[in-house]
N, C-alpha and C. Protein backbone atom coordinates (compact mmCIF):
# COMPACT_ATOMS: atom_id res chain seq x y z
N ASP A 1 83.77 121.20 113.30
CA ASP A 1 85.24 120.89 112.83
C ASP A 1 85.13 119.25 113.19
N GLY A 2 84.39 118.73 114.10
CA GLY A 2 84.36 117.11 114.45
C GLY A 2 83.66 116.44 113.26
N ASP A 3 82.83 116.85 112.59
CA ASP A 3 82.32 116.70 111.11
C ASP A 3 83.42 116.35 110.21
N ASP A 4 83.98 117.77 109.88
CA ASP A 4 85.38 117.65 109.27
C ASP A 4 86.41 116.37 109.27
N ASP A 5 86.43 116.08 110.65
CA ASP A 5 87.91 115.28 110.89
C ASP A 5 86.96 113.85 110.44
N ASP A 6 85.80 113.82 111.01
CA ASP A 6 85.39 112.39 110.50
C ASP A 6 85.53 112.22 108.97
N ASP A 7 85.26 113.25 108.20
CA ASP A 7 85.09 113.12 106.85
C ASP A 7 86.17 112.76 106.34
N GLU A 8 87.36 113.27 106.72
CA GLU A 8 88.98 112.93 106.57
C GLU A 8 89.14 111.70 106.68
N ASP A 9 88.70 111.22 107.78
CA ASP A 9 89.22 109.93 108.30
C ASP A 9 88.24 108.85 107.27
N ASN A 10 87.07 109.10 106.88
CA ASN A 10 86.52 108.16 106.35
C ASN A 10 87.31 108.35 104.80
N ASP A 11 87.61 109.18 103.99
CA ASP A 11 88.24 109.39 102.88
C ASP A 11 89.72 108.35 103.08
N ASP A 12 90.52 108.35 104.27
CA ASP A 12 91.62 107.74 104.25
C ASP A 12 91.31 106.29 104.48
N ASP A 13 89.99 105.87 104.81
CA ASP A 13 89.59 104.52 104.98
C ASP A 13 89.44 104.00 103.70
N ASP A 14 88.68 104.73 102.97
CA ASP A 14 88.28 104.46 101.40
C ASP A 14 89.30 104.14 100.75
N GLU A 15 90.15 104.90 100.73
CA GLU A 15 91.59 104.70 99.94
C GLU A 15 92.20 103.62 100.25
N GLU A 16 92.58 103.37 101.53
CA GLU A 16 92.96 102.15 102.16
C GLU A 16 92.56 100.71 101.66
N GLU A 17 91.23 101.03 101.58
CA GLU A 17 90.35 99.74 101.58
C GLU A 17 90.52 99.64 99.71
N GLU A 18 90.63 100.52 99.24
CA GLU A 18 90.50 100.42 97.42
C GLU A 18 91.87 99.99 97.15
N THR A 19 92.80 100.20 97.77
CA THR A 19 94.28 99.69 97.52
C THR A 19 94.41 98.59 97.97
N ALA A 20 93.89 97.77 99.32
CA ALA A 20 93.89 96.47 99.73
C ALA A 20 92.91 95.95 98.60
N LYS A 21 91.93 96.12 97.85
CA LYS A 21 90.98 95.16 97.15
C LYS A 21 91.95 95.22 95.77
N ASN A 22 92.32 96.52 95.28
CA ASN A 22 93.33 96.09 94.07
C ASN A 22 94.69 95.23 94.43
N ASP A 23 95.28 95.21 95.44
CA ASP A 23 96.24 94.33 95.62
C ASP A 23 95.63 92.58 95.84
N LYS A 24 94.52 92.50 96.44
CA LYS A 24 93.93 91.13 96.35
C LYS A 24 93.58 90.77 94.77
N GLU A 25 92.99 91.56 93.95
CA GLU A 25 92.53 91.39 92.85
C GLU A 25 94.00 90.86 91.95
N LEU A 26 94.83 91.69 92.35
CA LEU A 26 96.38 91.60 91.61
C LEU A 26 96.70 90.08 91.66
N LYS A 27 96.70 89.54 92.77
CA LYS A 27 97.18 88.54 93.23
C LYS A 27 95.97 87.20 92.81
N GLU A 28 94.88 87.39 93.25
CA GLU A 28 94.11 86.68 92.49
C GLU A 28 93.96 86.23 91.27
N THR A 29 94.24 87.32 90.13
CA THR A 29 94.57 87.22 88.95
C THR A 29 95.61 86.85 88.50
N GLY A 30 96.96 86.69 89.33
CA GLY A 30 98.17 86.25 89.15
C GLY A 30 99.12 87.48 88.09
N ILE A 31 98.54 88.54 88.44
CA ILE A 31 99.07 89.66 87.64
C ILE A 31 99.69 90.73 88.55
N GLY A 32 101.13 91.00 88.02
CA GLY A 32 101.81 91.84 88.96
C GLY A 32 102.23 91.02 90.53
N GLY A 33 101.45 91.49 91.42
CA GLY A 33 101.93 90.60 92.69
C GLY A 33 103.16 91.16 92.98
N ASP A 34 104.01 90.21 93.82
CA ASP A 34 105.40 90.40 94.63
C ASP A 34 106.37 90.96 93.28
N GLU A 35 106.24 90.75 92.33
CA GLU A 35 107.39 91.60 91.17
C GLU A 35 106.87 92.91 91.39
N VAL A 36 105.83 93.49 91.31
CA VAL A 36 105.34 94.83 90.99
C VAL A 36 105.79 95.21 92.61
N ARG A 37 105.44 94.81 93.65
CA ARG A 37 105.96 95.03 94.45
C ARG A 37 107.48 95.42 94.72
N GLU A 38 108.16 94.42 94.38
CA GLU A 38 109.62 94.66 94.55
C GLU A 38 109.78 95.63 93.82
N SER A 39 109.65 95.72 92.37
CA SER A 39 109.82 96.87 91.70
C SER A 39 109.56 98.12 92.08
N GLY A 40 108.32 98.30 92.83
CA GLY A 40 107.73 99.37 93.24
C GLY A 40 108.65 99.83 94.49
């Protein structure tokens, strides 16, 4: 059970990291950014 919990936590962390990375890329490229967040 402990291993399963760790796997789940790792999956969540990966998703969060991917989201943060995508947001950072959008800011750097100037595409979307605040406008997307306001509409989203």
